[in-house]
Structure formats: structure tokens, C-alpha cells
Amino acid sequence: MIPIATSRFNNETWEENCSYRAKSNASNGCIYGCPRRISPKITDDAILFVVEMNNTTNQIEGIGLIKNTVRADKYYNIYKCHNYNRYVYKGEYHIDRAILEKFNLELVECLDYMLFKEKTHMKRGSGIKLIPEKLLKHEMCRSMVISDEIRKIFRKHFTCAEIKEPTKKN
């Protein structure tokens, strides 16, 4: 199963992220700057889905697919607050909310509810944080396995892309 994490934005930081992707010709991909590294529970080079949370609108903006590899090839000036540019993760695949809704509206509604409105919401924190397994099995989402649904959407949308399970290191 591919892990699912979140990255939090407000309207300003979301706009900064979109602007950076547009000017760097990465509009189909995703990029996330964080003040701290992803949890060491996720092995280096493992792939993970990142749900983009907009805390101003209380809605997800999209989902990106990244590798747990900090990009240190250059300085990425994504955000005005340079602390958010400290650790940068990039991916070639991103699906925005409108496309997600076309594929699976129930999934989008479920993510909106459990990430923003549930008592164990994910609005607090900074950086890229894993969604707890308990939250992924929320009663509202019992009819689906969220990571499988997200992977199906990515496969359908990027028909030539290989979205594989991460290999386990011994």
C-alpha cells in the first residue's frame, strides 16, 4: 500500500505553489517545500501520495505523487517564507480537485470531511505528515480503501504511468 500524507496550505501559500509550478513548467507535476523532513517511518526513495489541504477553504486542492527524496540540486524559491523552502520534494504526477471529483466524488467528499471536520482532523502541523491508519478507515469511507482509490485514479489519468507499490528493503 502506498502511504498517504498531507501538506497544508492557506490561500496565499497555495497561490505561491501554483505560481512556482506554472513558471517552472511543472504544471503537470507537484512540488512541496517543508520546514522539516518527512517522517523517518517512510523509507528514503519510497513513493507516497500527498493530499494538498487548503486550510482557508477547508477543501483539498489535489493530490501529488512524490518520492521521499529531498531535492538538493538547487535552491527552490517556492514560498516567500523561506523556512518553507528548507526541504523540497518534487514529483512528476499531480491531479487537481476537479479531476478527482470527475473520477470519484465520494472520495473527495470523504477526504474533505475526515481531514477538515472530524475531531481528529489534520489541519494542525507543518510539513508533510502521514495520515494515521485509523483516520483512513473512517466510518464515512468504509466502502473504499482510500489508497487503492487514489492509485486507481492516478492510473486512469496517467495511462502510461507506472504507479507501483514501493519495494520493501530488508
N, C-alpha and C. Protein backbone atom coordinates (compact mmCIF):
# COMPACT_ATOMS: atom_id res chain seq x y z
N MET A 1 0.84 -1.18 0.00
CA MET A 1 0.00 0.00 0.00
C MET A 1 0.89 1.25 0.00
N ILE A 2 0.56 2.18 -0.84
CA ILE A 2 1.31 3.43 -0.91
C ILE A 2 0.83 4.35 0.22
N PRO A 3 1.75 4.86 1.05
CA PRO A 3 1.33 5.74 2.15
C PRO A 3 0.70 7.03 1.63
N ILE A 4 -0.20 7.58 2.45
CA ILE A 4 -0.86 8.84 2.12
C ILE A 4 -0.51 9.86 3.19
N ALA A 5 -0.06 11.02 2.75
CA ALA A 5 0.32 12.10 3.66
C ALA A 5 -0.45 13.36 3.28
N THR A 6 -0.27 14.40 4.08
CA THR A 6 -0.90 15.69 3.79
C THR A 6 0.15 16.79 3.81
N SER A 7 -0.14 17.83 3.07
CA SER A 7 0.62 19.08 3.15
C SER A 7 -0.42 20.18 3.27
N ARG A 8 -0.19 21.12 4.17
CA ARG A 8 -1.17 22.15 4.45
C ARG A 8 -0.81 23.47 3.78
N PHE A 9 -1.84 24.15 3.29
CA PHE A 9 -1.69 25.45 2.64
C PHE A 9 -2.76 26.40 3.17
N ASN A 10 -2.54 27.70 2.99
CA ASN A 10 -3.62 28.68 3.06
C ASN A 10 -3.74 29.24 1.65
N ASN A 11 -4.65 30.17 1.42
CA ASN A 11 -4.81 30.69 0.06
C ASN A 11 -3.51 31.29 -0.49
N GLU A 12 -2.78 31.98 0.37
CA GLU A 12 -1.54 32.64 -0.08
C GLU A 12 -0.46 31.62 -0.46
N THR A 13 -0.21 30.64 0.40
CA THR A 13 0.83 29.65 0.09
C THR A 13 0.42 28.75 -1.07
N TRP A 14 -0.89 28.48 -1.20
CA TRP A 14 -1.36 27.69 -2.33
C TRP A 14 -1.10 28.44 -3.64
N GLU A 15 -1.38 29.74 -3.65
CA GLU A 15 -1.13 30.55 -4.84
C GLU A 15 0.36 30.59 -5.16
N GLU A 16 1.21 30.70 -4.14
CA GLU A 16 2.66 30.70 -4.36
C GLU A 16 3.10 29.38 -4.98
N ASN A 17 2.55 28.28 -4.50
CA ASN A 17 2.90 26.96 -5.03
C ASN A 17 2.47 26.84 -6.50
N CYS A 18 1.23 27.24 -6.79
CA CYS A 18 0.73 27.17 -8.17
C CYS A 18 1.55 28.06 -9.10
N SER A 19 1.90 29.26 -8.64
CA SER A 19 2.70 30.18 -9.46
C SER A 19 4.07 29.60 -9.75
N TYR A 20 4.69 29.00 -8.74
CA TYR A 20 6.01 28.40 -8.95
C TYR A 20 5.94 27.27 -9.97
N ARG A 21 4.92 26.41 -9.84
CA ARG A 21 4.78 25.31 -10.80
C ARG A 21 4.55 25.83 -12.21
N ALA A 22 3.77 26.88 -12.36
CA ALA A 22 3.49 27.44 -13.68
C ALA A 22 4.74 28.05 -14.30
N LYS A 23 5.50 28.81 -13.53
CA LYS A 23 6.68 29.46 -14.11
C LYS A 23 7.85 28.50 -14.32
N SER A 24 7.84 27.36 -13.65
CA SER A 24 8.93 26.39 -13.84
C SER A 24 8.52 25.24 -14.76
N ASN A 25 7.41 25.43 -15.48
CA ASN A 25 6.91 24.43 -16.43
C ASN A 25 6.70 23.07 -15.77
N ALA A 26 6.27 23.07 -14.53
CA ALA A 26 5.98 21.83 -13.81
C ALA A 26 4.49 21.74 -13.51
N SER A 27 3.67 22.26 -14.43
CA SER A 27 2.23 22.33 -14.16
C SER A 27 1.59 20.95 -14.03
N ASN A 28 2.16 19.93 -14.65
CA ASN A 28 1.62 18.57 -14.50
C ASN A 28 2.16 17.87 -13.28
N GLY A 29 3.22 18.41 -12.70
CA GLY A 29 3.85 17.78 -11.55
C GLY A 29 3.46 18.47 -10.26
N CYS A 30 4.19 18.14 -9.21
CA CYS A 30 3.94 18.74 -7.91
C CYS A 30 5.27 19.05 -7.23
N ILE A 31 5.22 20.02 -6.33
CA ILE A 31 6.41 20.39 -5.56
C ILE A 31 5.94 20.87 -4.19
N TYR A 32 6.63 20.42 -3.16
CA TYR A 32 6.26 20.79 -1.79
C TYR A 32 7.51 21.21 -1.04
N GLY A 33 7.46 22.39 -0.46
CA GLY A 33 8.53 22.85 0.41
C GLY A 33 8.07 22.71 1.85
N CYS A 34 8.98 22.28 2.72
CA CYS A 34 8.62 22.00 4.11
C CYS A 34 9.70 22.50 5.06
N PRO A 35 9.30 22.88 6.27
CA PRO A 35 10.30 23.29 7.26
C PRO A 35 11.02 22.11 7.91
N ARG A 36 10.49 20.89 7.72
CA ARG A 36 11.16 19.71 8.27
C ARG A 36 10.98 18.52 7.33
N ARG A 37 11.82 17.53 7.51
CA ARG A 37 11.79 16.34 6.64
C ARG A 37 10.54 15.50 6.89
N ILE A 38 10.24 14.65 5.93
CA ILE A 38 9.17 13.66 6.09
C ILE A 38 9.60 12.67 7.17
N SER A 39 8.64 12.13 7.87
CA SER A 39 8.90 11.19 8.97
C SER A 39 9.86 10.07 8.54
N PRO A 40 10.78 9.70 9.43
CA PRO A 40 11.69 8.59 9.11
C PRO A 40 10.97 7.24 9.02
N LYS A 41 9.69 7.20 9.39
CA LYS A 41 8.90 5.97 9.23
C LYS A 41 8.75 5.61 7.75
N ILE A 42 8.85 6.62 6.90
CA ILE A 42 8.80 6.41 5.45
C ILE A 42 10.24 6.27 4.96
N THR A 43 10.54 5.14 4.36
CA THR A 43 11.91 4.90 3.91
C THR A 43 12.30 5.87 2.79
N ASP A 44 13.59 6.16 2.71
CA ASP A 44 14.10 7.02 1.64
C ASP A 44 13.75 6.42 0.29
N ASP A 45 13.42 7.26 -0.65
CA ASP A 45 13.05 6.89 -2.02
C ASP A 45 11.71 6.18 -2.15
N ALA A 46 10.98 5.99 -1.05
CA ALA A 46 9.64 5.41 -1.14
C ALA A 46 8.71 6.43 -1.78
N ILE A 47 7.70 5.93 -2.50
CA ILE A 47 6.73 6.86 -3.08
C ILE A 47 5.57 7.03 -2.11
N LEU A 48 4.96 8.21 -2.16
CA LEU A 48 3.79 8.46 -1.33
C LEU A 48 2.89 9.49 -2.00
N PHE A 49 1.60 9.37 -1.70
CA PHE A 49 0.63 10.34 -2.16
C PHE A 49 0.60 11.48 -1.15
N VAL A 50 0.49 12.71 -1.65
CA VAL A 50 0.38 13.88 -0.78
C VAL A 50 -0.93 14.59 -1.10
N VAL A 51 -1.84 14.60 -0.13
CA VAL A 51 -3.11 15.30 -0.27
C VAL A 51 -2.87 16.76 0.11
N GLU A 52 -3.22 17.66 -0.80
CA GLU A 52 -2.99 19.09 -0.59
C GLU A 52 -4.21 19.70 0.09
N MET A 53 -4.03 20.12 1.34
CA MET A 53 -5.12 20.68 2.14
C MET A 53 -5.05 22.20 2.13
N ASN A 54 -6.17 22.84 1.78
CA ASN A 54 -6.25 24.30 1.88
C ASN A 54 -7.03 24.63 3.15
N ASN A 55 -6.33 25.08 4.18
CA ASN A 55 -6.97 25.36 5.47
C ASN A 55 -7.85 26.61 5.44
N THR A 56 -7.74 27.44 4.43
CA THR A 56 -8.60 28.61 4.31
C THR A 56 -9.98 28.20 3.81
N THR A 57 -10.02 27.31 2.82
CA THR A 57 -11.29 26.90 2.22
C THR A 57 -11.83 25.60 2.83
N ASN A 58 -11.03 24.92 3.64
CA ASN A 58 -11.40 23.62 4.21
C ASN A 58 -11.73 22.60 3.12
N GLN A 59 -10.93 22.60 2.07
CA GLN A 59 -11.09 21.64 0.98
C GLN A 59 -9.72 21.18 0.52
N ILE A 60 -9.69 19.96 -0.02
CA ILE A 60 -8.44 19.52 -0.64
C ILE A 60 -8.33 20.21 -2.00
N GLU A 61 -7.11 20.50 -2.41
CA GLU A 61 -6.86 21.15 -3.70
C GLU A 61 -6.46 20.13 -4.76
N GLY A 62 -5.89 19.02 -4.34
CA GLY A 62 -5.44 18.00 -5.27
C GLY A 62 -4.60 16.98 -4.54
N ILE A 63 -4.00 16.08 -5.32
CA ILE A 63 -3.12 15.04 -4.76
C ILE A 63 -1.90 14.93 -5.66
N GLY A 64 -0.73 14.90 -5.04
CA GLY A 64 0.51 14.73 -5.77
C GLY A 64 1.14 13.38 -5.43
N LEU A 65 2.02 12.92 -6.27
CA LEU A 65 2.75 11.68 -6.05
C LEU A 65 4.24 12.03 -6.04
N ILE A 66 4.89 11.79 -4.91
CA ILE A 66 6.31 12.15 -4.77
C ILE A 66 7.12 10.96 -4.29
N LYS A 67 8.43 11.10 -4.41
CA LYS A 67 9.38 10.17 -3.81
C LYS A 67 9.93 10.83 -2.56
N ASN A 68 10.16 10.05 -1.53
CA ASN A 68 10.72 10.59 -0.29
C ASN A 68 12.21 10.85 -0.49
N THR A 69 12.50 11.84 -1.29
CA THR A 69 13.87 12.25 -1.58
C THR A 69 13.92 13.77 -1.56
N VAL A 70 14.73 14.33 -0.67
CA VAL A 70 14.88 15.78 -0.61
C VAL A 70 15.64 16.24 -1.84
N ARG A 71 15.11 17.25 -2.51
CA ARG A 71 15.77 17.80 -3.70
C ARG A 71 16.78 18.85 -3.24
N ALA A 72 18.05 18.54 -3.44
CA ALA A 72 19.12 19.45 -3.04
C ALA A 72 19.95 19.90 -4.24
N ASP A 73 19.41 19.70 -5.46
CA ASP A 73 20.16 20.05 -6.66
C ASP A 73 20.25 21.56 -6.88
N LYS A 74 19.32 22.31 -6.29
CA LYS A 74 19.36 23.77 -6.37
C LYS A 74 18.48 24.33 -5.27
N TYR A 75 18.49 25.65 -5.10
CA TYR A 75 17.61 26.28 -4.12
C TYR A 75 16.28 26.57 -4.81
N TYR A 76 15.21 26.04 -4.24
CA TYR A 76 13.88 26.25 -4.78
C TYR A 76 13.22 27.39 -4.01
N ASN A 77 12.94 28.48 -4.68
CA ASN A 77 12.33 29.65 -4.05
C ASN A 77 10.82 29.62 -4.31
N ILE A 78 10.14 28.69 -3.65
CA ILE A 78 8.71 28.48 -3.89
C ILE A 78 7.87 29.49 -3.11
N TYR A 79 8.20 29.65 -1.84
CA TYR A 79 7.39 30.46 -0.93
C TYR A 79 8.14 31.70 -0.46
N LYS A 80 7.40 32.75 -0.14
CA LYS A 80 8.01 33.97 0.39
C LYS A 80 8.65 33.70 1.74
N CYS A 81 8.01 32.88 2.55
CA CYS A 81 8.58 32.49 3.84
C CYS A 81 9.63 31.41 3.56
N HIS A 82 10.89 31.77 3.63
CA HIS A 82 11.96 30.87 3.21
C HIS A 82 12.09 29.62 4.07
N ASN A 83 11.55 29.65 5.28
CA ASN A 83 11.56 28.45 6.12
C ASN A 83 10.82 27.30 5.44
N TYR A 84 9.79 27.62 4.64
CA TYR A 84 9.03 26.59 3.93
C TYR A 84 9.81 26.01 2.75
N ASN A 85 10.90 26.65 2.36
CA ASN A 85 11.71 26.16 1.24
C ASN A 85 12.89 25.30 1.70
N ARG A 86 12.93 24.97 2.97
CA ARG A 86 14.08 24.28 3.55
C ARG A 86 14.26 22.87 2.97
N TYR A 87 13.22 22.06 2.97
CA TYR A 87 13.27 20.70 2.41
C TYR A 87 12.24 20.64 1.29
N VAL A 88 12.69 20.31 0.10
CA VAL A 88 11.80 20.32 -1.06
C VAL A 88 11.67 18.91 -1.63
N TYR A 89 10.43 18.54 -1.91
CA TYR A 89 10.10 17.24 -2.51
C TYR A 89 9.35 17.52 -3.80
N LYS A 90 9.73 16.82 -4.87
CA LYS A 90 9.11 17.02 -6.17
C LYS A 90 8.57 15.70 -6.70
N GLY A 91 7.56 15.82 -7.54
CA GLY A 91 7.01 14.66 -8.22
C GLY A 91 6.55 15.04 -9.62
N GLU A 92 6.45 14.06 -10.48
CA GLU A 92 6.04 14.31 -11.86
C GLU A 92 4.54 14.22 -12.06
N TYR A 93 3.82 13.75 -11.05
CA TYR A 93 2.39 13.49 -11.21
C TYR A 93 1.58 14.27 -10.18
N HIS A 94 0.51 14.90 -10.67
CA HIS A 94 -0.39 15.68 -9.82
C HIS A 94 -1.77 15.66 -10.45
N ILE A 95 -2.79 15.53 -9.61
CA ILE A 95 -4.17 15.59 -10.08
C ILE A 95 -4.89 16.63 -9.24
N ASP A 96 -5.55 17.59 -9.90
CA ASP A 96 -6.24 18.62 -9.13
C ASP A 96 -7.65 18.18 -8.75
N ARG A 97 -8.27 18.96 -7.90
CA ARG A 97 -9.57 18.62 -7.32
C ARG A 97 -10.64 18.33 -8.38
N ALA A 98 -10.71 19.16 -9.42
CA ALA A 98 -11.74 19.00 -10.44
C ALA A 98 -11.65 17.62 -11.10
N ILE A 99 -10.46 17.17 -11.37
CA ILE A 99 -10.28 15.85 -12.00
C ILE A 99 -10.61 14.75 -11.00
N LEU A 100 -10.19 14.92 -9.76
CA LEU A 100 -10.53 13.94 -8.72
C LEU A 100 -12.04 13.79 -8.59
N GLU A 101 -12.76 14.91 -8.62
CA GLU A 101 -14.22 14.87 -8.49
C GLU A 101 -14.86 14.13 -9.66
N LYS A 102 -14.29 14.26 -10.86
CA LYS A 102 -14.83 13.55 -12.02
C LYS A 102 -14.67 12.04 -11.86
N PHE A 103 -13.54 11.62 -11.31
CA PHE A 103 -13.28 10.20 -11.14
C PHE A 103 -14.01 9.60 -9.94
N ASN A 104 -14.02 10.32 -8.81
CA ASN A 104 -14.61 9.75 -7.60
C ASN A 104 -14.99 10.87 -6.63
N LEU A 105 -16.20 11.40 -6.79
CA LEU A 105 -16.68 12.48 -5.94
C LEU A 105 -16.78 12.03 -4.48
N GLU A 106 -17.18 10.79 -4.25
CA GLU A 106 -17.30 10.27 -2.88
C GLU A 106 -15.96 10.30 -2.15
N LEU A 107 -14.88 9.98 -2.85
CA LEU A 107 -13.55 10.03 -2.26
C LEU A 107 -13.19 11.46 -1.84
N VAL A 108 -13.45 12.43 -2.70
CA VAL A 108 -13.14 13.83 -2.40
C VAL A 108 -13.95 14.30 -1.19
N GLU A 109 -15.23 13.97 -1.15
CA GLU A 109 -16.07 14.37 -0.01
C GLU A 109 -15.59 13.71 1.28
N CYS A 110 -15.18 12.47 1.19
CA CYS A 110 -14.66 11.74 2.35
C CYS A 110 -13.37 12.39 2.86
N LEU A 111 -12.45 12.71 1.96
CA LEU A 111 -11.20 13.36 2.35
C LEU A 111 -11.46 14.73 2.97
N ASP A 112 -12.37 15.51 2.35
CA ASP A 112 -12.71 16.82 2.91
C ASP A 112 -13.22 16.68 4.34
N TYR A 113 -14.12 15.74 4.56
CA TYR A 113 -14.71 15.59 5.89
C TYR A 113 -13.67 15.13 6.91
N MET A 114 -12.97 14.05 6.61
CA MET A 114 -12.08 13.49 7.64
C MET A 114 -10.84 14.36 7.89
N LEU A 115 -10.38 15.09 6.88
CA LEU A 115 -9.18 15.92 7.07
C LEU A 115 -9.47 17.28 7.68
N PHE A 116 -10.70 17.79 7.50
CA PHE A 116 -11.00 19.15 7.97
C PHE A 116 -12.04 19.21 9.09
N LYS A 117 -12.99 18.29 9.13
CA LYS A 117 -14.12 18.46 10.04
C LYS A 117 -14.18 17.44 11.17
N GLU A 118 -13.54 16.34 11.01
CA GLU A 118 -13.56 15.30 12.04
C GLU A 118 -12.80 15.77 13.27
N LYS A 119 -13.13 15.21 14.43
CA LYS A 119 -12.45 15.64 15.66
C LYS A 119 -10.95 15.33 15.63
N THR A 120 -10.56 14.39 14.80
CA THR A 120 -9.13 14.07 14.64
C THR A 120 -8.59 14.65 13.33
N HIS A 121 -9.07 15.84 12.97
CA HIS A 121 -8.69 16.48 11.70
C HIS A 121 -7.17 16.66 11.60
N MET A 122 -6.71 16.99 10.40
CA MET A 122 -5.28 17.13 10.12
C MET A 122 -4.88 18.59 9.83
N LYS A 123 -5.68 19.55 10.28
CA LYS A 123 -5.41 20.96 9.96
C LYS A 123 -4.17 21.50 10.66
N ARG A 124 -3.80 20.93 11.77
CA ARG A 124 -2.64 21.43 12.51
C ARG A 124 -1.37 20.75 12.03
N GLY A 125 -0.26 21.36 12.36
CA GLY A 125 1.02 20.76 12.00
C GLY A 125 1.64 21.48 10.82
N SER A 126 2.86 21.12 10.53
CA SER A 126 3.55 21.71 9.39
C SER A 126 4.35 20.63 8.69
N GLY A 127 4.64 20.88 7.45
CA GLY A 127 5.37 19.89 6.67
C GLY A 127 4.45 18.82 6.13
N ILE A 128 5.05 17.76 5.66
CA ILE A 128 4.30 16.63 5.10
C ILE A 128 4.14 15.60 6.20
N LYS A 129 2.88 15.33 6.57
CA LYS A 129 2.57 14.43 7.67
C LYS A 129 1.74 13.26 7.17
N LEU A 130 2.06 12.06 7.65
CA LEU A 130 1.28 10.87 7.30
C LEU A 130 -0.12 10.95 7.89
N ILE A 131 -1.10 10.49 7.14
CA ILE A 131 -2.46 10.37 7.67
C ILE A 131 -2.50 9.08 8.47
N PRO A 132 -2.93 9.13 9.73
CA PRO A 132 -2.97 7.91 10.54
C PRO A 132 -3.90 6.85 9.94
N GLU A 133 -3.52 5.61 10.09
CA GLU A 133 -4.30 4.48 9.55
C GLU A 133 -5.74 4.52 10.06
N LYS A 134 -5.90 4.87 11.33
CA LYS A 134 -7.24 4.94 11.92
C LYS A 134 -8.13 5.93 11.17
N LEU A 135 -7.57 7.06 10.78
CA LEU A 135 -8.33 8.07 10.05
C LEU A 135 -8.67 7.59 8.63
N LEU A 136 -7.76 6.83 8.03
CA LEU A 136 -8.02 6.30 6.68
C LEU A 136 -9.15 5.27 6.67
N LYS A 137 -9.44 4.72 7.84
CA LYS A 137 -10.53 3.73 7.96
C LYS A 137 -11.77 4.35 8.60
N HIS A 138 -11.94 5.65 8.41
CA HIS A 138 -13.07 6.38 8.97
C HIS A 138 -14.38 5.74 8.51
N GLU A 139 -15.39 5.76 9.38
CA GLU A 139 -16.67 5.11 9.06
C GLU A 139 -17.32 5.68 7.80
N MET A 140 -17.09 6.95 7.50
CA MET A 140 -17.65 7.54 6.29
C MET A 140 -17.04 6.93 5.02
N CYS A 141 -15.85 6.37 5.15
CA CYS A 141 -15.12 5.86 3.99
C CYS A 141 -15.02 4.33 3.99
N ARG A 142 -15.84 3.67 4.75
CA ARG A 142 -15.73 2.20 4.86
C ARG A 142 -15.97 1.48 3.54
N SER A 143 -16.67 2.12 2.62
CA SER A 143 -16.97 1.45 1.36
C SER A 143 -15.78 1.44 0.41
N MET A 144 -14.65 2.04 0.81
CA MET A 144 -13.49 2.11 -0.09
C MET A 144 -12.19 2.01 0.69
N VAL A 145 -11.17 1.56 -0.01
CA VAL A 145 -9.80 1.61 0.52
C VAL A 145 -9.18 2.84 -0.14
N ILE A 146 -8.95 3.87 0.65
CA ILE A 146 -8.58 5.18 0.11
C ILE A 146 -7.32 5.13 -0.76
N SER A 147 -6.28 4.45 -0.30
CA SER A 147 -5.04 4.41 -1.10
C SER A 147 -5.27 3.69 -2.43
N ASP A 148 -6.09 2.65 -2.43
CA ASP A 148 -6.40 1.95 -3.69
C ASP A 148 -7.19 2.85 -4.63
N GLU A 149 -8.14 3.60 -4.08
CA GLU A 149 -8.94 4.51 -4.91
C GLU A 149 -8.06 5.59 -5.54
N ILE A 150 -7.16 6.15 -4.74
CA ILE A 150 -6.27 7.20 -5.27
C ILE A 150 -5.37 6.61 -6.35
N ARG A 151 -4.83 5.42 -6.10
CA ARG A 151 -3.96 4.79 -7.10
C ARG A 151 -4.71 4.51 -8.39
N LYS A 152 -5.96 4.05 -8.29
CA LYS A 152 -6.77 3.80 -9.49
C LYS A 152 -6.96 5.08 -10.30
N ILE A 153 -7.23 6.18 -9.60
CA ILE A 153 -7.42 7.47 -10.30
C ILE A 153 -6.14 7.88 -11.02
N PHE A 154 -5.00 7.74 -10.35
CA PHE A 154 -3.72 8.09 -10.99
C PHE A 154 -3.47 7.20 -12.21
N ARG A 155 -3.76 5.92 -12.08
CA ARG A 155 -3.55 5.02 -13.23
C ARG A 155 -4.45 5.38 -14.39
N LYS A 156 -5.71 5.69 -14.10
CA LYS A 156 -6.64 6.06 -15.18
C LYS A 156 -6.22 7.38 -15.83
N HIS A 157 -5.83 8.34 -15.01
CA HIS A 157 -5.49 9.67 -15.54
C HIS A 157 -4.16 9.67 -16.30
N PHE A 158 -3.19 8.96 -15.75
CA PHE A 158 -1.87 8.87 -16.40
C PHE A 158 -1.74 7.45 -16.94
N THR A 159 -2.37 7.17 -18.06
CA THR A 159 -2.46 5.81 -18.58
C THR A 159 -1.11 5.16 -18.85
N CYS A 160 -0.10 5.95 -19.18
CA CYS A 160 1.20 5.34 -19.47
C CYS A 160 2.11 5.34 -18.25
N ALA A 161 1.64 5.84 -17.13
CA ALA A 161 2.49 5.92 -15.93
C ALA A 161 2.48 4.61 -15.17
N GLU A 162 3.60 4.28 -14.60
CA GLU A 162 3.69 3.10 -13.76
C GLU A 162 3.67 3.55 -12.31
N ILE A 163 2.53 3.34 -11.67
CA ILE A 163 2.39 3.67 -10.25
C ILE A 163 2.48 2.33 -9.52
N LYS A 164 3.65 2.00 -9.03
CA LYS A 164 3.88 0.70 -8.42
C LYS A 164 3.95 0.80 -6.92
N GLU A 165 3.77 -0.36 -6.30
CA GLU A 165 3.98 -0.46 -4.86
C GLU A 165 5.46 -0.25 -4.58
N PRO A 166 5.79 0.41 -3.48
CA PRO A 166 7.21 0.55 -3.14
C PRO A 166 7.79 -0.81 -2.77
N THR A 167 9.04 -1.05 -3.13
CA THR A 167 9.68 -2.30 -2.76
C THR A 167 10.18 -2.19 -1.34
N LYS A 168 10.04 -3.28 -0.62
CA LYS A 168 10.46 -3.29 0.79
C LYS A 168 11.94 -3.57 0.87
N LYS A 169 12.63 -2.81 1.74
CA LYS A 169 14.06 -3.03 1.97
C LYS A 169 14.21 -4.03 3.10
N ASN A 170 15.15 -4.95 2.95
CA ASN A 170 15.38 -5.94 4.01
C ASN A 170 16.41 -5.47 4.98
